[in-house]
Amino acid sequence: MNNKILLINPPQKNVVAAGIEDDFIDIIGYYPPLGLMYLATVLKNNAYEVKILDCVPMKYDFEEIKSEILLFNPFAVGITTFTTSIIDVLDTAKLVKELNTEIYVIIGGHHTFLYPKQSIKYPNIDFILNGEAEFTFLELIDGLQNNKNDEELSKIQGIGFLKNNEIFYNSNIPFIQNLDILPIPDRTLLPMDLYKSIVGRNKMVATVMSSRGCPFKCTYCYCPSKQYRSRSTKNIIEEIKYLLDLGYKEIFFFDDLFALQPKKVIDFAKALQDEKIKIDWSFRGRINTITEELIKEVKAANIHRIQFGIESGVEKTLKRIKKGITTEQIKKVIKWCKKAKITTIGNFMIGLPDETEEDILETLRFSRKIGLNYAQYSVLVPYPFTEAYLEGLEKGLFSKDYWLEFAENPIEIYENFKVEYWTEIVSEQFLFKTIKQSFKRFYLRPITVINKLKEIRSLQEFMYAVKGAFSVLKFNPKI
């Protein structure tokens, strides 16, 4: 029996324009597709032969995918699916079926969670999966291998397909309560040297996910699970030792909320010290969960960098987007990090509800004066089902529910599809002109250049700094 499963993160040839040029992404680096790696490892541990194609960093086009499919001859193909890249997903599915109609095509990801019934109807798609699908996907593959009928397959949680030409969707979405039961992702399934970060210290950077879910209510974000779940410190340490054995010298915790529980972070930092583990590491932090004790402990455990979602430097805007932080908290936390010599990155967003031009300019001034080492800027994209998008629809700010319309018929709509921004007060032209200037004004300041040169400790970091400088000079946001 054919036990080969191919997992694909598709090429990005027809992605919805929403902010940053592809060549800019190519310069700042790529992170490995952890979701696919988890799926692949579960399958591999259950005697399946698995291959992953991460097409963007691998520079794979559809011709390369075709060659891989013909050579590998998979039983099933799983494809990562986001709303912005749905055309490339459907083109990949079409290619699979043109080569062999017997290959099952299964899609899952953020898009299928948001639009399950629309996704089920797409051409060349056999099944959709929702939720945290590591074990659901295995259950489906096992069922197909054992020739289970539609009635039997329909009992699998979070699954959707056409059943007797009618849409069937099991809306019981699986979310894994004990994350320690997940296997450590097998990093040998992808070329490790593909993945790097322009703000990293080492040639290879591994991403680690220590938690899932988010209980906060930021209006620009939509999280499938509001229940926060975290792996045990012992389990995380086990993964880090595995990564050290593979030759990694740096890890980045990719969680949205790595530091939700300060005590847990402190315990983790102490465990690194007790185990005498020497590795550069970094995480995404939330301003209002960071304590001075936490900063001291993570510094002692060799932390390199913390990335903060700050979004705005204007008090009323922070309240408007339900961020749950204040400008004073932001300044205090960045000051702690600077004192401890921890590199900081601040993420900022403009085009937020009720922002004036002056509010936006104040946010950019704020970003330059609080002592950050790096800043990232973006224009708010009102993504589907976020509070910002739903409010914009209710107020008539957006012409229609254009994300739903796109999800229902992406192939026909794509050519004329355009993201609508929050332009109740400021113009789209102002937003994109300003975002383009923001990078130059932050990174081309003498103080930034001098501080960066002081930080450089290897040829690798110097080369990344040079690439970063060129990326800033050529940065061109999409409108």
Protein backbone atom coordinates (compact mmCIF):
# COMPACT_ATOMS: atom_id res chain seq x y z
CA MET A 1 0.00 0.00 0.00
CA ASN A 2 1.20 3.51 -0.85
CA ASN A 3 2.10 5.20 2.45
CA LYS A 4 3.66 8.37 1.00
CA ILE A 5 2.31 11.77 2.11
CA LEU A 6 3.46 15.04 0.55
CA LEU A 7 2.98 18.30 2.47
CA ILE A 8 3.23 21.58 0.57
CA ASN A 9 3.62 25.19 1.57
CA PRO A 10 2.80 26.51 -1.93
CA PRO A 11 4.64 29.08 -4.06
CA GLN A 12 3.49 32.67 -3.67
CA LYS A 13 2.80 33.71 -7.22
CA ASN A 14 -0.70 35.14 -6.78
CA VAL A 15 -0.82 36.47 -3.25
CA VAL A 16 -3.25 39.21 -2.25
CA ALA A 17 -1.23 42.44 -2.05
CA ALA A 18 -1.23 43.63 1.54
CA GLY A 19 1.89 45.46 2.57
CA ILE A 20 5.37 44.23 1.73
CA GLU A 21 7.16 43.24 -1.48
CA ASP A 22 8.33 39.62 -1.80
CA ASP A 23 11.99 40.58 -2.28
CA PHE A 24 11.91 42.44 1.05
CA ILE A 25 10.72 39.25 2.77
CA ASP A 26 13.44 37.32 0.96
CA ILE A 27 16.10 39.61 2.47
CA ILE A 28 14.84 39.66 6.06
CA GLY A 29 14.64 35.87 6.17
CA TYR A 30 12.33 32.86 6.46
CA TYR A 31 11.12 30.74 9.31
CA PRO A 32 10.38 27.02 8.86
CA PRO A 33 6.72 25.92 8.52
CA LEU A 34 6.25 24.57 12.03
CA GLY A 35 2.66 23.54 11.36
CA LEU A 36 3.66 21.25 8.50
CA MET A 37 6.62 19.93 10.49
CA TYR A 38 4.33 18.89 13.33
CA LEU A 39 1.96 17.16 10.90
CA ALA A 40 4.86 15.44 9.15
CA THR A 41 6.42 14.22 12.40
CA VAL A 42 3.16 12.71 13.66
CA LEU A 43 2.75 10.90 10.33
CA LYS A 44 6.38 9.76 10.27
CA ASN A 45 6.08 8.41 13.81
CA ASN A 46 3.13 6.35 12.58
CA ALA A 47 5.03 4.62 9.77
CA TYR A 48 4.20 7.00 6.92
CA GLU A 49 6.84 8.24 4.49
CA VAL A 50 6.57 12.02 4.49
CA LYS A 51 8.08 14.80 2.42
CA ILE A 52 7.70 18.58 2.86
CA LEU A 53 8.01 21.17 0.08
CA ASP A 54 8.41 24.66 1.52
CA CYS A 55 8.21 26.26 -1.88
CA VAL A 56 9.07 29.91 -1.16
CA PRO A 57 12.51 29.56 0.47
CA MET A 58 13.21 26.47 -1.67
CA LYS A 59 12.49 28.60 -4.78
CA TYR A 60 10.11 25.95 -6.10
CA ASP A 61 7.74 26.84 -8.90
CA PHE A 62 4.89 24.67 -10.14
CA GLU A 63 7.22 22.83 -12.50
CA GLU A 64 9.39 21.76 -9.56
CA ILE A 65 6.27 20.66 -7.66
CA LYS A 66 5.20 18.64 -10.68
CA SER A 67 8.57 16.88 -10.81
CA GLU A 68 8.43 16.12 -7.08
CA ILE A 69 4.93 14.64 -7.33
CA LEU A 70 5.86 12.44 -10.30
CA LEU A 71 8.97 11.24 -8.51
CA PHE A 72 7.44 10.76 -5.06
CA ASN A 73 4.00 9.49 -6.18
CA PRO A 74 2.16 10.37 -2.95
CA PHE A 75 -1.03 8.78 -1.65
CA ALA A 76 -2.20 12.19 -0.41
CA VAL A 77 -1.10 15.83 -0.60
CA GLY A 78 -1.70 18.29 2.23
CA ILE A 79 -1.51 22.02 1.51
CA THR A 80 -1.15 24.94 3.92
CA THR A 81 -3.96 27.41 3.25
CA PHE A 82 -4.20 31.12 3.99
CA THR A 83 -6.84 33.45 2.56
CA THR A 84 -4.22 35.71 0.98
CA SER A 85 -2.60 32.79 -0.86
CA ILE A 86 -5.70 30.79 -1.78
CA ILE A 87 -5.11 31.12 -5.54
CA ASP A 88 -1.71 29.42 -5.23
CA VAL A 89 -3.31 26.72 -3.09
CA LEU A 90 -5.94 26.04 -5.73
CA ASP A 91 -3.34 26.08 -8.51
CA THR A 92 -1.34 23.50 -6.55
CA ALA A 93 -4.43 21.33 -6.03
CA LYS A 94 -5.24 21.55 -9.74
CA LEU A 95 -1.72 20.46 -10.64
CA VAL A 96 -1.96 17.44 -8.34
CA LYS A 97 -5.24 16.27 -9.88
CA GLU A 98 -3.98 16.82 -13.44
CA LEU A 99 -1.10 14.48 -12.67
CA ASN A 100 -3.16 11.84 -10.86
CA THR A 101 -6.84 12.06 -9.94
CA GLU A 102 -6.36 9.26 -7.39
CA ILE A 103 -4.20 11.41 -5.13
CA TYR A 104 -6.20 12.84 -2.24
CA VAL A 105 -5.88 16.62 -1.84
CA ILE A 106 -6.38 17.90 1.71
CA ILE A 107 -6.17 21.54 2.75
CA GLY A 108 -6.00 23.08 6.21
CA GLY A 109 -4.97 26.26 7.92
CA HIS A 110 -6.31 29.66 8.82
CA HIS A 111 -8.48 30.00 5.70
CA THR A 112 -10.35 26.73 6.18
CA PHE A 113 -11.02 27.68 9.79
CA LEU A 114 -12.55 31.00 8.73
CA TYR A 115 -14.40 29.75 5.66
CA PRO A 116 -14.94 25.97 6.00
CA LYS A 117 -18.07 25.61 3.87
CA GLN A 118 -16.66 27.78 1.09
CA SER A 119 -13.42 25.78 1.13
CA ILE A 120 -15.21 22.45 0.81
CA LYS A 121 -16.65 23.56 -2.54
CA TYR A 122 -13.33 24.48 -4.16
CA PRO A 123 -12.40 22.43 -7.23
CA ASN A 124 -9.87 19.60 -6.82
CA ILE A 125 -10.19 19.57 -3.01
CA ASP A 126 -11.16 16.27 -1.38
CA PHE A 127 -11.09 17.22 2.32
CA ILE A 128 -10.57 20.23 4.54
CA LEU A 129 -9.29 20.12 8.11
CA ASN A 130 -9.77 22.63 10.91
CA GLY A 131 -8.35 23.31 14.31
CA GLU A 132 -5.09 21.77 15.52
CA ALA A 133 -4.98 18.99 12.99
CA GLU A 134 -1.90 16.93 13.92
CA PHE A 135 -3.91 13.92 15.08
CA THR A 136 -6.98 14.69 12.99
CA PHE A 137 -4.87 14.53 9.83
CA LEU A 138 -3.41 11.18 10.93
CA GLU A 139 -6.90 9.87 11.64
CA LEU A 140 -8.07 10.93 8.19
CA ILE A 141 -5.08 9.37 6.40
CA ASP A 142 -5.52 6.15 8.37
CA GLY A 143 -9.20 6.13 7.42
CA LEU A 144 -8.49 6.63 3.73
CA GLN A 145 -5.79 3.95 3.81
CA ASN A 146 -8.33 1.54 5.31
CA ASN A 147 -11.02 2.47 2.75
CA LYS A 148 -13.44 3.86 5.31
CA ASN A 149 -16.67 5.18 3.82
CA ASP A 150 -18.05 8.71 4.06
CA GLU A 151 -20.18 7.84 7.06
CA GLU A 152 -17.18 6.59 9.00
CA LEU A 153 -14.96 9.51 7.95
CA SER A 154 -17.61 12.04 8.95
CA LYS A 155 -17.03 11.18 12.61
CA ILE A 156 -13.58 12.79 12.52
CA GLN A 157 -13.59 16.15 14.31
CA GLY A 158 -13.03 19.29 12.28
CA ILE A 159 -13.30 17.58 8.92
CA GLY A 160 -15.21 18.74 5.83
CA PHE A 161 -15.93 17.23 2.43
CA LEU A 162 -18.63 16.74 -0.17
CA LYS A 163 -20.85 13.90 1.02
CA ASN A 164 -23.28 12.73 -1.65
CA ASN A 165 -22.60 16.03 -3.45
CA GLU A 166 -23.72 17.95 -0.36
CA ILE A 167 -21.48 19.96 1.94
CA PHE A 168 -20.62 18.04 5.10
CA TYR A 169 -18.71 19.73 7.90
CA ASN A 170 -18.04 18.32 11.37
CA SER A 171 -17.83 21.56 13.30
CA ASN A 172 -16.36 19.98 16.45
CA ILE A 173 -12.98 21.70 16.26
CA PRO A 174 -10.14 19.85 18.00
CA PHE A 175 -7.80 21.85 20.23
CA ILE A 176 -5.09 19.89 22.01
CA GLN A 177 -5.20 20.43 25.77
CA ASN A 178 -1.89 18.82 26.70
CA LEU A 179 0.70 20.09 24.23
CA ASP A 180 3.33 17.75 25.67
CA ILE A 181 1.72 14.87 23.77
CA LEU A 182 2.88 16.44 20.51
CA PRO A 183 6.16 15.11 19.17
CA ILE A 184 9.22 17.32 18.80
CA PRO A 185 9.20 18.43 15.14
CA ASP A 186 11.69 16.48 13.02
CA ARG A 187 14.02 19.19 11.67
CA THR A 188 15.69 16.80 9.24
CA LEU A 189 12.60 16.90 7.03
CA LEU A 190 13.75 20.24 5.57
CA PRO A 191 17.14 21.74 4.63
CA MET A 192 18.11 23.49 7.87
CA ASP A 193 20.27 26.13 6.19
CA LEU A 194 17.23 27.58 4.38
CA TYR A 195 16.03 29.34 7.49
CA LYS A 196 17.63 32.45 8.88
CA SER A 197 16.74 35.83 10.31
CA ILE A 198 18.26 39.20 9.53
CA VAL A 199 18.14 40.01 13.26
CA GLY A 200 19.63 36.67 14.26
CA ARG A 201 23.17 36.15 15.47
CA ASN A 202 23.79 32.84 13.73
CA LYS A 203 23.53 31.38 10.26
CA MET A 204 20.74 28.98 11.25
CA VAL A 205 17.81 29.91 13.48
CA ALA A 206 15.31 27.34 14.72
CA THR A 207 11.78 28.33 15.64
CA VAL A 208 10.11 26.72 18.63
CA MET A 209 6.44 26.89 19.62
CA SER A 210 5.97 26.56 23.38
CA SER A 211 2.29 27.50 23.62
CA ARG A 212 -0.92 27.93 21.67
CA GLY A 213 -3.99 30.15 22.03
CA CYS A 214 -4.47 33.77 23.03
CA PRO A 215 -6.96 35.16 25.60
CA PHE A 216 -6.55 38.82 24.63
CA LYS A 217 -8.98 40.89 22.55
CA CYS A 218 -6.92 43.12 20.25
CA THR A 219 -9.30 44.40 17.59
CA TYR A 220 -6.93 43.83 14.65
CA CYS A 221 -6.32 40.13 15.39
CA TYR A 222 -8.39 36.96 15.14
CA CYS A 223 -7.20 33.91 17.06
CA PRO A 224 -8.98 30.56 16.53
CA SER A 225 -8.47 29.49 20.16
CA LYS A 226 -8.90 31.86 23.09
CA GLN A 227 -7.71 29.19 25.51
CA TYR A 228 -4.00 29.57 26.31
CA ARG A 229 -2.13 26.26 26.61
CA SER A 230 1.56 25.83 27.30
CA ARG A 231 4.09 23.02 27.08
CA SER A 232 5.97 22.05 30.22
CA THR A 233 9.45 23.43 30.83
CA LYS A 234 10.84 19.87 30.78
CA ASN A 235 9.33 19.27 27.35
CA ILE A 236 10.73 22.52 25.93
CA ILE A 237 14.21 21.80 27.33
CA GLU A 238 14.08 18.39 25.65
CA GLU A 239 13.48 20.07 22.28
CA ILE A 240 16.31 22.55 22.83
CA LYS A 241 18.75 19.70 23.56
CA TYR A 242 17.64 18.03 20.32
CA LEU A 243 18.29 21.26 18.41
CA LEU A 244 21.75 21.61 19.97
CA ASP A 245 22.56 18.08 18.83
CA LEU A 246 21.62 19.11 15.29
CA GLY A 247 24.04 22.03 15.40
CA TYR A 248 21.66 24.91 16.07
CA LYS A 249 23.07 27.75 18.14
CA GLU A 250 20.02 29.99 18.17
CA ILE A 251 16.28 29.60 18.69
CA PHE A 252 13.32 31.94 18.39
CA PHE A 253 10.15 31.22 20.34
CA PHE A 254 7.46 31.85 17.76
CA ASP A 255 4.57 31.99 20.25
CA ASP A 256 2.35 35.04 20.18
CA LEU A 257 2.39 34.90 23.98
CA PHE A 258 5.58 33.26 25.18
CA ALA A 259 5.69 35.44 28.30
CA LEU A 260 2.01 35.38 29.26
CA GLN A 261 2.97 33.81 32.61
CA PRO A 262 6.11 35.54 33.98
CA LYS A 263 6.79 32.79 36.53
CA LYS A 264 6.87 30.15 33.81
CA VAL A 265 9.41 32.17 31.81
CA ILE A 266 11.54 32.66 34.91
CA ASP A 267 11.42 28.92 35.67
CA PHE A 268 12.42 28.20 32.06
CA ALA A 269 15.35 30.63 32.26
CA LYS A 270 16.51 29.01 35.49
CA ALA A 271 16.22 25.56 33.90
CA LEU A 272 18.51 26.67 31.06
CA GLN A 273 21.04 27.80 33.65
CA ASP A 274 20.71 24.64 35.76
CA GLU A 275 21.21 22.48 32.67
CA LYS A 276 24.16 24.68 31.62
CA ILE A 277 22.60 25.11 28.20
CA LYS A 278 24.34 27.78 26.14
CA ILE A 279 22.21 28.93 23.23
CA ASP A 280 21.17 32.32 21.88
CA TRP A 281 17.41 32.70 22.17
CA SER A 282 14.65 35.23 21.68
CA PHE A 283 10.89 35.50 21.98
CA ARG A 284 7.85 37.60 21.25
CA GLY A 285 6.79 39.40 24.41
CA ARG A 286 3.73 41.28 25.57
CA ILE A 287 4.52 44.55 27.35
CA ASN A 288 2.10 44.11 30.25
CA THR A 289 3.33 40.63 31.19
CA ILE A 290 7.02 41.56 31.44
CA THR A 291 8.52 42.09 34.90
CA GLU A 292 11.93 43.38 35.95
CA GLU A 293 12.69 40.02 37.59
CA LEU A 294 11.87 38.26 34.31
CA ILE A 295 14.29 40.51 32.42
CA LYS A 296 17.10 39.75 34.88
CA GLU A 297 16.55 35.99 34.72
CA VAL A 298 16.30 35.71 30.93
CA LYS A 299 19.44 37.84 30.59
CA ALA A 300 21.29 35.47 32.90
CA ALA A 301 20.10 32.61 30.64
CA ASN A 302 21.71 34.17 27.54
CA ILE A 303 18.68 35.74 25.90
CA HIS A 304 19.52 37.74 22.80
CA ARG A 305 16.35 39.56 21.78
CA ILE A 306 12.73 40.30 22.70
CA GLN A 307 10.16 41.38 20.13
CA PHE A 308 7.19 43.44 21.33
CA GLY A 309 3.86 44.14 19.67
CA ILE A 310 3.57 47.82 20.59
CA GLU A 311 1.39 48.99 17.68
CA SER A 312 0.90 52.62 18.75
CA GLY A 313 2.56 55.38 20.74
CA VAL A 314 -0.74 57.18 21.37
CA GLU A 315 -2.69 56.39 24.53
CA LYS A 316 -6.16 56.77 23.03
CA THR A 317 -5.25 54.50 20.12
CA LEU A 318 -3.96 51.77 22.42
CA LYS A 319 -7.30 51.86 24.24
CA ARG A 320 -9.25 51.94 20.97
CA ILE A 321 -7.62 48.73 19.72
CA LYS A 322 -7.96 47.06 23.17
CA LYS A 323 -4.23 46.48 23.41
CA GLY A 324 -4.25 46.55 27.20
CA ILE A 325 -0.97 48.44 27.57
CA THR A 326 0.07 52.06 28.15
CA THR A 327 2.86 54.22 26.75
CA GLU A 328 4.42 54.42 30.22
CA GLN A 329 4.53 50.63 30.47
CA ILE A 330 6.15 50.48 27.04
CA LYS A 331 8.88 52.95 27.97
CA LYS A 332 9.54 51.20 31.28
CA VAL A 333 9.92 47.73 29.74
CA ILE A 334 12.17 48.93 26.92
CA LYS A 335 14.30 50.74 29.52
CA TRP A 336 14.68 47.49 31.51
CA CYS A 337 15.77 45.66 28.37
CA LYS A 338 18.23 48.37 27.40
CA LYS A 339 19.77 48.35 30.88
CA ALA A 340 20.17 44.57 30.64
CA LYS A 341 21.63 44.92 27.10
CA ILE A 342 18.84 42.86 25.55
CA THR A 343 18.11 43.71 21.91
CA THR A 344 14.54 44.94 21.37
CA ILE A 345 12.25 45.01 18.35
CA GLY A 346 9.02 46.99 18.35
CA ASN A 347 6.17 46.26 15.96
CA PHE A 348 4.05 49.27 15.03
CA MET A 349 0.88 49.60 13.00
CA ILE A 350 -0.66 52.65 11.36
CA GLY A 351 -4.08 53.15 9.80
CA LEU A 352 -5.83 52.08 13.00
CA PRO A 353 -9.42 53.12 13.78
CA ASP A 354 -9.86 56.82 14.67
CA GLU A 355 -6.19 57.66 14.04
CA THR A 356 -5.47 61.10 12.66
CA GLU A 357 -2.39 62.01 10.64
CA GLU A 358 -0.90 63.59 13.75
CA ASP A 359 -1.58 60.41 15.78
CA ILE A 360 0.29 58.39 13.19
CA LEU A 361 3.23 60.77 13.13
CA GLU A 362 3.33 60.72 16.93
CA THR A 363 3.51 56.90 16.89
CA LEU A 364 6.47 57.07 14.52
CA ARG A 365 8.20 59.68 16.69
CA PHE A 366 7.52 57.52 19.74
CA SER A 367 9.09 54.50 18.02
CA ARG A 368 12.29 56.44 17.41
CA LYS A 369 12.74 57.88 20.90
CA ILE A 370 12.06 54.98 23.31
CA GLY A 371 15.38 53.19 22.75
CA LEU A 372 14.43 50.29 20.46
CA ASN A 373 17.16 48.54 18.49
CA TYR A 374 14.79 47.66 15.64
CA ALA A 375 11.32 48.69 14.54
CA GLN A 376 8.90 47.08 12.13
CA TYR A 377 6.06 49.06 10.60
CA SER A 378 2.90 48.01 8.81
CA VAL A 379 -0.44 49.36 7.68
CA LEU A 380 -3.47 47.77 9.34
CA VAL A 381 -4.99 45.13 7.11
CA PRO A 382 -8.56 44.52 8.37
CA TYR A 383 -8.51 40.74 8.10
CA PRO A 384 -11.73 38.69 8.09
CA PHE A 385 -13.56 38.17 11.37
CA THR A 386 -11.37 40.63 13.28
CA GLU A 387 -13.26 43.17 15.34
CA ALA A 388 -11.81 45.96 13.20
CA TYR A 389 -13.16 44.37 10.01
CA LEU A 390 -16.59 43.66 11.45
CA GLU A 391 -16.84 47.21 12.80
CA GLY A 392 -15.78 48.65 9.44
CA LEU A 393 -18.53 46.63 7.75
CA GLU A 394 -21.14 47.79 10.27
CA LYS A 395 -20.14 51.43 9.80
CA GLY A 396 -20.21 51.12 6.01
CA LEU A 397 -16.52 51.96 5.83
CA PHE A 398 -15.94 48.95 3.59
CA SER A 399 -18.01 48.63 0.44
CA LYS A 400 -19.10 45.03 1.20
CA ASP A 401 -17.95 41.85 2.94
CA TYR A 402 -15.21 41.56 0.36
CA TRP A 403 -13.27 38.82 2.18
CA LEU A 404 -16.37 36.58 2.16
CA GLU A 405 -16.98 37.34 -1.50
CA PHE A 406 -13.37 36.47 -2.26
CA ALA A 407 -13.56 33.24 -0.22
CA GLU A 408 -16.68 32.18 -2.12
CA ASN A 409 -15.20 32.69 -5.56
CA PRO A 410 -11.46 33.45 -5.39
CA ILE A 411 -10.54 32.37 -8.92
CA GLU A 412 -12.88 34.82 -10.64
CA ILE A 413 -12.42 37.68 -8.18
CA TYR A 414 -8.64 37.61 -7.67
CA GLU A 415 -7.65 39.77 -10.66
CA ASN A 416 -9.78 42.68 -9.41
CA PHE A 417 -9.48 42.02 -5.69
CA LYS A 418 -8.16 44.81 -3.49
CA VAL A 419 -7.80 45.09 0.27
CA GLU A 420 -9.76 47.99 1.72
CA TYR A 421 -7.94 49.89 4.48
CA TRP A 422 -9.31 51.95 7.36
CA THR A 423 -9.50 55.32 5.63
CA GLU A 424 -12.25 57.00 7.63
CA ILE A 425 -9.92 59.87 8.58
CA VAL A 426 -6.63 59.45 6.70
CA SER A 427 -6.14 58.54 3.06
CA GLU A 428 -4.63 55.33 1.75
CA GLN A 429 -2.06 57.43 -0.11
CA PHE A 430 -0.94 59.03 3.16
CA LEU A 431 -0.68 55.65 4.88
CA PHE A 432 1.60 54.10 2.29
CA LYS A 433 3.70 57.20 1.77
CA THR A 434 4.21 57.37 5.54
CA ILE A 435 5.00 53.68 6.01
CA LYS A 436 7.66 53.90 3.32
CA GLN A 437 9.28 56.87 5.06
CA SER A 438 9.06 55.27 8.52
CA PHE A 439 11.72 52.64 7.86
CA LYS A 440 14.22 55.14 6.49
CA ARG A 441 13.65 57.58 9.34
CA PHE A 442 14.27 54.89 11.92
CA TYR A 443 17.17 52.97 10.39
CA LEU A 444 19.12 55.73 8.66
CA ARG A 445 19.61 57.77 11.83
CA PRO A 446 23.30 58.05 12.82
CA ILE A 447 22.58 56.68 16.30
CA THR A 448 20.98 53.54 14.85
CA VAL A 449 23.87 52.91 12.46
CA ILE A 450 26.48 53.45 15.20
CA ASN A 451 24.70 51.18 17.69
CA LYS A 452 24.32 48.46 15.07
CA LEU A 453 28.02 48.57 14.24
CA LYS A 454 28.82 48.23 17.95
CA GLU A 455 26.63 45.10 18.19
CA ILE A 456 28.25 43.23 15.30
CA ARG A 457 30.40 40.37 16.52
CA SER A 458 30.82 38.20 13.39
CA LEU A 459 31.05 38.35 9.62
CA GLN A 460 27.61 36.73 9.51
CA GLU A 461 26.06 39.59 11.48
CA PHE A 462 27.90 42.13 9.33
CA MET A 463 26.52 40.60 6.12
CA TYR A 464 23.00 40.61 7.57
CA ALA A 465 23.45 44.27 8.54
CA VAL A 466 24.48 45.15 4.97
CA LYS A 467 21.49 43.27 3.53
CA GLY A 468 19.24 45.00 6.02
CA ALA A 469 20.50 48.42 4.97
CA PHE A 470 19.80 47.66 1.32
CA SER A 471 16.33 46.34 2.16
CA VAL A 472 15.47 49.58 3.95
CA LEU A 473 16.65 51.67 1.02
CA LYS A 474 14.60 49.69 -1.50
CA PHE A 475 11.55 49.00 0.69
CA ASN A 476 8.37 49.54 -1.30
CA PRO A 477 5.03 48.64 0.30
CA LYS A 478 2.26 47.32 -1.93
CA ILE A 479 -0.91 49.35 -2.27
